[in-house]
């Protein structure tokens, strides 16, 4: 699928879709609970659909009607379900469900699409070995497909936190191990807010744990359990980033509804970045409005806590006076794509003054021109390029645009309602 994007100014209001990160965590806990949980407004396209498939593979029974998902978990029977976990393009789902799959004694095989096969999982797999797991990879030059076998027995392990998902996976699972407890030591910790989302869920479930102030050491007592629950999935600040930045680069105002700023999601920091750049941010009871009355200034932006914002921040840099530097973004290289390289390449096609130096991007204000660009099957890259297309002179054609469905299936509908000129063209 292609999107044809023409110069546009955004204004109006939209409701932000549910969070992928929260949805996958909700599905995992519902799967491991003993009883039936009710999840309202889950995001069950793309990665959410893959996680739902993983829940079934672990033995959960699911019934989805309208915006309500009923999920009956496997309780303490960790050998239910199927041998195969087809994870599509979901790195989060693969990581979070891998440790859970190792609670049982049967071998479980994980696989996915070509993009997922290019991503690293050995950091998590290696951390599970000292806890009792065994794994085998099928390819010498890649981590996926792999087969993992338990049962986990607890103890002590060290995990590379280059992706917070490796740490979260251990945290969600170790409380269920039949042992006195598990010590998790973390090196190279990145993306701390995503750890905080996981801890938010654990506290909500009454799971006991201890951690150091810097999240580099955790102790999780075993023989705990998850209980059935009912809740609505919170709105997604990562998806909200695109409407917020779109308002800033085209003028706005745009009102984003449904956001809870007490949520631990790290991407809510985007609003602070926009405010420092010169955008006007007005908070309501359950919404926020973004607009720009004058020029915006570039700055050094540390994205360690919110690497998913990198594609949109690169577009923002093209609209701000002076130089914008995106720093602490090395871990963005192991997302759906190497987002540092991809955003440099695709914005360069549109005439952007953007340079990659080490693990940083340097961007100067640029007059973007319409071009044929490629989203590289990365949902956040596709949506960021749509923002660039709204800014650009003439027409921009975005290839692999269907990837946006992973986290924002209503993107075209919502942004068209805001005034964006986006035409969908089937290939």
Protein backbone atom coordinates (compact mmCIF):
# COMPACT_ATOMS: atom_id res chain seq x y z
CA UNK A 1 0.00 0.00 0.00
CA UNK A 2 1.07 3.56 -0.74
CA UNK A 3 0.03 6.85 0.79
CA UNK A 4 -0.01 9.95 -1.37
CA UNK A 5 0.43 12.94 0.94
CA UNK A 6 0.01 16.55 -0.14
CA UNK A 7 0.81 19.81 1.72
CA UNK A 8 -1.62 20.23 4.62
CA UNK A 9 -2.23 22.13 7.82
CA UNK A 10 -3.62 20.18 10.74
CA UNK A 11 -6.32 21.50 13.05
CA UNK A 12 -9.22 20.01 14.99
CA UNK A 13 -9.46 17.22 17.55
CA UNK A 14 -9.03 13.44 17.66
CA UNK A 15 -9.19 10.66 20.24
CA UNK A 16 -5.89 8.84 20.66
CA UNK A 17 -5.97 5.02 20.18
CA UNK A 18 -5.10 2.52 22.89
CA UNK A 19 -1.52 1.71 23.82
CA UNK A 20 0.30 -1.21 22.22
CA UNK A 21 2.63 -1.48 25.22
CA UNK A 22 -0.23 -1.65 27.69
CA UNK A 23 -2.28 -4.01 25.49
CA UNK A 24 0.48 -6.63 25.26
CA UNK A 25 1.11 -6.46 29.01
CA UNK A 26 -2.62 -6.77 29.66
CA UNK A 27 -2.79 -9.86 27.44
CA UNK A 28 0.22 -11.48 29.14
CA UNK A 29 -1.20 -11.01 32.64
CA UNK A 30 -4.64 -12.18 31.54
CA UNK A 31 -3.02 -15.28 30.04
CA UNK A 32 -1.13 -16.13 33.23
CA UNK A 33 -4.02 -15.40 35.60
CA UNK A 34 -6.30 -18.10 36.99
CA UNK A 35 -9.73 -16.96 35.83
CA UNK A 36 -11.34 -14.60 33.34
CA UNK A 37 -10.18 -11.02 32.83
CA UNK A 38 -12.10 -8.30 30.97
CA UNK A 39 -9.98 -5.95 28.85
CA UNK A 40 -11.75 -2.94 27.34
CA UNK A 41 -10.48 -1.23 24.19
CA UNK A 42 -7.38 -3.38 23.54
CA UNK A 43 -5.33 -2.60 20.43
CA UNK A 44 -5.64 -5.89 18.55
CA UNK A 45 -4.14 -5.02 15.18
CA UNK A 46 -0.53 -5.66 14.20
CA UNK A 47 1.54 -6.41 17.29
CA UNK A 48 -1.59 -6.70 19.42
CA UNK A 49 -2.94 -9.43 17.15
CA UNK A 50 0.38 -11.27 17.39
CA UNK A 51 0.27 -11.05 21.19
CA UNK A 52 -3.30 -12.35 21.16
CA UNK A 53 -2.07 -15.32 19.14
CA UNK A 54 0.69 -15.87 21.69
CA UNK A 55 -1.89 -15.83 24.48
CA UNK A 56 -3.77 -18.61 22.71
CA UNK A 57 -0.53 -20.54 22.19
CA UNK A 58 0.10 -20.41 25.94
CA UNK A 59 -3.33 -21.86 26.53
CA UNK A 60 -5.58 -18.85 27.11
CA UNK A 61 -9.19 -18.90 25.91
CA UNK A 62 -10.28 -15.62 24.31
CA UNK A 63 -13.56 -14.09 23.21
CA UNK A 64 -13.52 -10.67 21.51
CA UNK A 65 -16.77 -8.77 20.96
CA UNK A 66 -16.86 -5.09 20.04
CA UNK A 67 -14.29 -3.34 22.23
CA UNK A 68 -14.31 -6.00 24.97
CA UNK A 69 -11.88 -8.91 25.19
CA UNK A 70 -12.61 -11.74 27.60
CA UNK A 71 -9.51 -13.80 28.32
CA UNK A 72 -9.43 -16.88 30.53
CA UNK A 73 -5.89 -17.65 31.61
CA UNK A 74 -4.01 -20.89 32.05
CA UNK A 75 -3.41 -20.36 35.76
CA UNK A 76 -0.58 -22.54 37.01
CA UNK A 77 -0.73 -25.00 34.10
CA UNK A 78 2.17 -23.77 31.97
CA UNK A 79 2.03 -26.67 29.50
CA UNK A 80 -1.30 -25.81 27.90
CA UNK A 81 -1.69 -24.46 24.39
CA UNK A 82 0.46 -25.07 21.34
CA UNK A 83 4.08 -25.59 20.38
CA UNK A 84 4.28 -22.75 17.83
CA UNK A 85 4.23 -19.01 18.54
CA UNK A 86 3.88 -17.02 15.29
CA UNK A 87 4.81 -13.49 16.41
CA UNK A 88 4.50 -11.69 13.10
CA UNK A 89 6.41 -8.41 13.48
CA UNK A 90 6.02 -8.06 17.25
CA UNK A 91 9.30 -7.67 19.12
CA UNK A 92 7.50 -6.70 22.32
CA UNK A 93 5.22 -9.72 22.16
CA UNK A 94 8.10 -12.08 21.38
CA UNK A 95 10.15 -10.86 24.32
CA UNK A 96 7.36 -10.73 26.88
CA UNK A 97 5.92 -14.14 26.03
CA UNK A 98 9.28 -15.93 25.70
CA UNK A 99 9.97 -16.04 29.45
CA UNK A 100 6.38 -17.09 30.13
CA UNK A 101 6.74 -19.94 27.63
CA UNK A 102 9.78 -21.15 29.59
CA UNK A 103 7.68 -21.67 32.75
CA UNK A 104 6.53 -25.03 31.37
CA UNK A 105 8.42 -28.17 30.38
CA UNK A 106 7.32 -28.48 26.74
CA UNK A 107 9.46 -27.01 23.93
CA UNK A 108 7.97 -23.83 22.42
CA UNK A 109 9.02 -22.53 19.01
CA UNK A 110 8.95 -18.79 18.25
CA UNK A 111 9.09 -17.36 14.73
CA UNK A 112 8.02 -14.24 12.84
CA UNK A 113 8.36 -12.28 9.63
CA UNK A 114 11.64 -11.28 7.99
CA UNK A 115 11.81 -8.02 9.93
CA UNK A 116 11.39 -9.79 13.26
CA UNK A 117 13.99 -12.37 12.25
CA UNK A 118 16.54 -9.55 11.95
CA UNK A 119 16.14 -8.46 15.57
CA UNK A 120 18.23 -9.65 18.54
CA UNK A 121 16.69 -11.94 21.16
CA UNK A 122 19.80 -13.68 22.48
CA UNK A 123 20.17 -11.15 25.29
CA UNK A 124 16.95 -12.43 26.84
CA UNK A 125 17.55 -16.08 25.93
CA UNK A 126 21.00 -16.01 27.51
CA UNK A 127 19.56 -14.45 30.68
CA UNK A 128 17.01 -17.27 30.97
CA UNK A 129 19.63 -20.04 30.87
CA UNK A 130 20.95 -19.50 34.45
CA UNK A 131 17.33 -19.68 35.62
CA UNK A 132 16.86 -23.16 34.15
CA UNK A 133 15.82 -22.64 30.52
CA UNK A 134 17.36 -24.19 27.42
CA UNK A 135 17.13 -22.79 23.93
CA UNK A 136 18.14 -23.63 20.37
CA UNK A 137 18.41 -21.30 17.39
CA UNK A 138 17.73 -22.58 13.90
CA UNK A 139 19.96 -20.14 12.01
CA UNK A 140 23.63 -19.41 12.53
CA UNK A 141 23.19 -15.76 11.55
CA UNK A 142 20.04 -14.90 13.45
CA UNK A 143 18.25 -15.40 16.75
CA UNK A 144 14.83 -16.25 15.29
CA UNK A 145 13.38 -18.87 14.92
CA UNK A 146 14.26 -20.34 18.31
CA UNK A 147 12.86 -23.04 20.55
CA UNK A 148 12.84 -22.55 24.31
CA UNK A 149 12.23 -25.17 26.97
CA UNK A 150 11.77 -24.85 30.72
CA UNK A 151 10.98 -25.12 33.47
CA UNK A 152 12.44 -22.02 35.04
CA UNK A 153 13.81 -22.69 38.53
CA UNK A 154 14.80 -19.21 39.71
CA UNK A 155 18.13 -18.13 41.12
CA UNK A 156 20.31 -15.31 39.83
CA UNK A 157 20.86 -13.89 36.35
CA UNK A 158 22.22 -10.88 34.48
CA UNK A 159 20.49 -9.32 31.47
CA UNK A 160 21.58 -6.69 28.95
CA UNK A 161 19.03 -3.88 29.12
CA UNK A 162 19.74 -2.49 25.64
CA UNK A 163 16.03 -3.17 25.19
CA UNK A 164 13.81 -2.69 28.23
CA UNK A 165 11.69 -5.58 26.92
CA UNK A 166 14.30 -8.10 28.03
CA UNK A 167 14.07 -6.82 31.60
CA UNK A 168 10.27 -6.58 31.56
CA UNK A 169 10.00 -10.16 30.33
CA UNK A 170 11.92 -11.45 33.34
CA UNK A 171 10.01 -9.26 35.77
CA UNK A 172 6.60 -10.48 34.58
CA UNK A 173 7.56 -14.16 34.78
CA UNK A 174 9.88 -14.59 37.76
CA UNK A 175 7.12 -14.08 40.32
CA UNK A 176 5.46 -17.31 39.09
CA UNK A 177 8.51 -19.58 39.43
CA UNK A 178 8.31 -22.25 42.13
CA UNK A 179 11.30 -20.94 44.08
CA UNK A 180 12.17 -18.65 46.97
CA UNK A 181 13.05 -15.83 44.63
CA UNK A 182 15.04 -14.57 41.64
CA UNK A 183 17.71 -11.88 41.51
CA UNK A 184 17.93 -9.95 38.23
CA UNK A 185 20.96 -7.74 37.55
CA UNK A 186 20.75 -5.33 34.62
CA UNK A 187 23.63 -3.90 32.62
CA UNK A 188 23.35 -1.19 29.93
CA UNK A 189 19.84 -0.21 30.98
CA UNK A 190 17.87 1.81 28.41
CA UNK A 191 14.24 2.98 28.07
CA UNK A 192 13.53 3.27 31.81
CA UNK A 193 9.88 4.42 31.41
CA UNK A 194 9.00 1.08 29.82
CA UNK A 195 10.34 -0.65 32.93
CA UNK A 196 8.11 1.65 34.94
CA UNK A 197 5.08 0.59 32.87
CA UNK A 198 5.87 -3.02 33.78
CA UNK A 199 6.25 -2.17 37.47
CA UNK A 200 2.93 -0.28 37.29
CA UNK A 201 1.24 -3.48 36.16
CA UNK A 202 2.98 -5.58 38.82
CA UNK A 203 1.85 -3.20 41.55
CA UNK A 204 -1.68 -3.24 40.15
CA UNK A 205 -1.60 -7.04 40.54
CA UNK A 206 -0.12 -6.93 44.05
CA UNK A 207 3.09 -8.67 42.95
CA UNK A 208 5.91 -8.27 45.46
CA UNK A 209 9.37 -7.17 44.30
CA UNK A 210 12.35 -5.08 45.33
CA UNK A 211 14.61 -2.91 43.19
CA UNK A 212 17.54 -0.55 43.43
CA UNK A 213 16.92 3.14 42.83
CA UNK A 214 18.52 2.95 39.38
CA UNK A 215 16.66 -0.24 38.32
CA UNK A 216 19.89 -2.18 37.85
CA UNK A 217 18.99 -4.82 40.45
CA UNK A 218 15.67 -6.53 41.14
CA UNK A 219 14.62 -9.26 43.52
CA UNK A 220 11.33 -11.02 42.80
CA UNK A 221 9.96 -13.57 45.28
CA UNK A 222 8.53 -16.69 43.66
CA UNK A 223 5.29 -18.63 44.19
CA UNK A 224 3.11 -15.58 43.53
CA UNK A 225 0.16 -15.45 41.14
CA UNK A 226 -1.77 -13.14 38.86
CA UNK A 227 -5.47 -12.60 39.47
CA UNK A 228 -8.26 -11.84 36.98
CA UNK A 229 -8.98 -8.14 36.49
CA UNK A 230 -11.09 -5.67 34.52
CA UNK A 231 -9.78 -2.44 33.02
CA UNK A 232 -9.66 -0.27 29.92
CA UNK A 233 -6.34 -0.05 28.08
CA UNK A 234 -4.87 3.49 28.42
CA UNK A 235 -4.36 5.71 25.39
CA UNK A 236 -1.00 5.58 23.61
CA UNK A 237 1.40 8.49 24.03
CA UNK A 238 3.60 7.05 21.27
CA UNK A 239 0.70 7.41 18.82
CA UNK A 240 -0.16 10.83 20.26
CA UNK A 241 3.35 11.96 19.31
CA UNK A 242 2.41 12.17 15.63
CA UNK A 243 -0.62 14.43 16.09
CA UNK A 244 1.30 16.59 18.55
CA UNK A 245 4.29 17.02 16.25
CA UNK A 246 1.97 17.42 13.26
CA UNK A 247 0.30 20.35 15.01
CA UNK A 248 3.68 21.87 15.79
CA UNK A 249 5.13 21.60 12.27
CA UNK A 250 1.97 22.76 10.47
CA UNK A 251 0.63 25.27 13.01
CA UNK A 252 -2.39 23.60 14.59
CA UNK A 253 -4.23 23.87 16.89
CA UNK A 254 -4.88 20.18 17.44
CA UNK A 255 -6.60 18.75 20.52
CA UNK A 256 -5.70 15.21 21.56
CA UNK A 257 -8.35 13.49 23.67
CA UNK A 258 -8.14 10.60 26.11
CA UNK A 259 -4.58 11.04 27.40
CA UNK A 260 -3.75 10.44 31.07
CA UNK A 261 -0.58 12.29 32.04
CA UNK A 262 -0.26 10.24 35.24
CA UNK A 263 0.47 7.20 33.04
CA UNK A 264 4.16 6.14 33.22
CA UNK A 265 4.58 6.04 29.41
CA UNK A 266 7.81 7.82 28.53
CA UNK A 267 6.60 9.38 25.29
CA UNK A 268 4.51 11.90 27.22
CA UNK A 269 7.86 13.73 27.43
CA UNK A 270 7.31 14.76 23.80
CA UNK A 271 4.99 17.51 25.03
CA UNK A 272 7.80 18.96 27.17
CA UNK A 273 10.10 18.90 24.13
CA UNK A 274 7.52 20.73 22.03
CA UNK A 275 6.98 23.31 24.76
CA UNK A 276 10.71 24.02 25.01
CA UNK A 277 10.87 24.33 21.22
CA UNK A 278 8.22 27.04 21.31
CA UNK A 279 4.91 25.25 20.85
CA UNK A 280 1.93 26.19 23.00
CA UNK A 281 0.69 23.30 25.13
CA UNK A 282 -2.65 23.68 26.93
CA UNK A 283 -3.83 20.88 29.24
CA UNK A 284 -7.50 20.14 29.88
CA UNK A 285 -9.08 17.58 32.20
CA UNK A 286 -8.57 14.68 29.78
CA UNK A 287 -7.09 16.34 26.72
CA UNK A 288 -4.21 18.50 25.57
CA UNK A 289 -4.07 21.10 22.77
CA UNK A 290 -0.94 21.83 20.73
CA UNK A 291 -0.46 24.92 18.57
CA UNK A 292 2.31 27.21 17.35
CA UNK A 293 2.02 30.99 17.11
CA UNK A 294 5.62 31.82 16.19
CA UNK A 295 8.87 30.11 15.22
CA UNK A 296 10.32 27.14 17.04
CA UNK A 297 13.94 26.66 18.03
CA UNK A 298 16.07 23.55 17.74
CA UNK A 299 17.74 21.99 20.77
CA UNK A 300 19.64 18.94 21.97
CA UNK A 301 17.01 16.25 22.62
CA UNK A 302 17.92 13.22 24.73
CA UNK A 303 15.71 10.35 23.55
CA UNK A 304 17.07 7.57 25.76
CA UNK A 305 13.72 7.27 27.55
CA UNK A 306 11.59 7.53 24.41
CA UNK A 307 13.32 6.05 21.35
CA UNK A 308 9.97 5.50 19.63
CA UNK A 309 9.69 9.28 19.27
CA UNK A 310 12.85 9.45 17.12
CA UNK A 311 11.13 9.41 13.68
CA UNK A 312 8.73 12.23 14.60
CA UNK A 313 11.48 14.22 16.34
CA UNK A 314 13.59 14.01 13.17
CA UNK A 315 10.73 15.63 11.26
CA UNK A 316 10.37 18.26 13.99
CA UNK A 317 14.04 19.12 13.52
CA UNK A 318 13.32 20.04 9.90
CA UNK A 319 10.83 22.69 11.10
CA UNK A 320 12.85 24.34 13.90
CA UNK A 321 15.32 27.21 13.60
CA UNK A 322 18.96 26.34 14.10
CA UNK A 323 20.23 22.86 14.82
CA UNK A 324 18.37 19.98 16.43
CA UNK A 325 20.48 17.14 17.83
CA UNK A 326 18.88 13.79 18.66
CA UNK A 327 21.12 12.06 21.17
CA UNK A 328 21.18 8.86 23.27
CA UNK A 329 19.46 6.99 20.43
CA UNK A 330 21.78 4.04 19.81
CA UNK A 331 19.16 1.55 20.99
CA UNK A 332 16.84 2.79 18.21
CA UNK A 333 19.00 0.76 15.82
CA UNK A 334 17.40 -2.51 17.02
CA UNK A 335 13.75 -1.52 16.59
CA UNK A 336 11.70 -2.58 13.55
CA UNK A 337 14.43 -0.90 11.52
CA UNK A 338 17.63 0.97 12.24
CA UNK A 339 15.62 4.15 12.70
CA UNK A 340 18.71 6.37 12.73
CA UNK A 341 19.76 5.25 9.26
CA UNK A 342 16.24 5.04 7.84
CA UNK A 343 15.15 8.52 8.92
CA UNK A 344 18.39 10.02 7.62
CA UNK A 345 17.99 8.29 4.26
CA UNK A 346 14.31 9.03 3.72
CA UNK A 347 14.34 12.67 4.89
CA UNK A 348 17.42 13.25 2.74
CA UNK A 349 15.33 12.20 -0.28
CA UNK A 350 12.99 15.06 0.65
CA UNK A 351 15.81 17.61 0.84
CA UNK A 352 16.41 17.60 4.58
CA UNK A 353 19.71 18.82 6.01
CA UNK A 354 20.28 15.80 8.23
CA UNK A 355 23.50 14.05 9.21
CA UNK A 356 24.25 10.88 11.13
CA UNK A 357 27.31 11.07 13.37
CA UNK A 358 27.85 7.98 15.51
CA UNK A 359 24.64 7.36 17.40
CA UNK A 360 23.32 10.90 16.93
CA UNK A 361 21.34 12.79 14.31
CA UNK A 362 22.05 16.44 13.50
CA UNK A 363 19.19 18.24 11.73
CA UNK A 364 18.90 21.81 10.47
CA UNK A 365 15.76 23.60 9.37
CA UNK A 366 14.93 22.42 5.88
CA UNK A 367 12.51 23.20 3.08
CA UNK A 368 11.20 19.74 2.34
CA UNK A 369 10.23 18.72 -1.17
CA UNK A 370 7.80 16.00 -2.18
CA UNK A 371 9.47 12.71 -3.07
CA UNK A 372 8.97 8.96 -3.26
CA UNK A 373 10.01 7.58 0.12
CA UNK A 374 9.89 4.18 1.79
CA UNK A 375 8.58 3.39 5.25
CA UNK A 376 10.66 0.18 5.42
CA UNK A 377 7.68 -1.66 6.96
CA UNK A 378 8.19 0.37 10.16
CA UNK A 379 4.95 1.87 11.46
CA UNK A 380 6.57 4.85 13.19
CA UNK A 381 8.72 5.68 10.17
CA UNK A 382 5.64 5.61 7.91
CA UNK A 383 3.68 7.98 10.14
CA UNK A 384 6.63 10.34 10.58
CA UNK A 385 7.06 10.53 6.80
CA UNK A 386 3.37 11.42 6.53
CA UNK A 387 4.08 14.44 8.76
CA UNK A 388 7.01 15.35 6.53
CA UNK A 389 4.68 15.07 3.53
CA UNK A 390 2.28 17.55 5.12
CA UNK A 391 5.18 20.01 5.47
CA UNK A 392 6.66 19.45 2.02
CA UNK A 393 6.09 21.25 -1.24
CA UNK A 394 4.28 19.10 -3.79
CA UNK A 395 3.34 15.45 -3.46
CA UNK A 396 4.98 12.78 -1.32
CA UNK A 397 4.46 9.06 -1.97
CA UNK A 398 5.11 6.72 0.98
CA UNK A 399 5.67 3.04 0.23
CA UNK A 400 4.90 0.22 2.74
CA UNK A 401 2.34 2.52 4.35
CA UNK A 402 0.26 -0.43 5.54
CA UNK A 403 2.78 -0.81 8.40
CA UNK A 404 0.98 1.99 10.25
CA UNK A 405 -1.73 -0.54 11.16
CA UNK A 406 0.66 -2.06 13.70
CA UNK A 407 -0.14 0.65 16.26
CA UNK A 408 -2.45 3.18 14.58
CA UNK A 409 -4.97 1.53 12.24
CA UNK A 410 -7.12 4.69 12.15
CA UNK A 411 -4.22 7.02 11.26
CA UNK A 412 -5.48 8.00 7.80
CA UNK A 413 -9.04 8.49 9.06
CA UNK A 414 -7.97 10.56 12.07
CA UNK A 415 -5.46 12.71 10.23
CA UNK A 416 -7.83 13.27 7.33
CA UNK A 417 -10.34 14.57 9.90
CA UNK A 418 -7.63 17.01 11.03
CA UNK A 419 -7.18 18.28 7.47
CA UNK A 420 -4.30 16.14 6.24
CA UNK A 421 -4.44 15.30 2.55
CA UNK A 422 -3.67 11.57 2.53
CA UNK A 423 -4.81 9.36 -0.33
CA UNK A 424 -4.52 5.58 -0.01
CA UNK A 425 -3.37 3.77 -3.14
CA UNK A 426 -3.29 0.00 -3.33
CA UNK A 427 -0.31 -1.43 -5.20
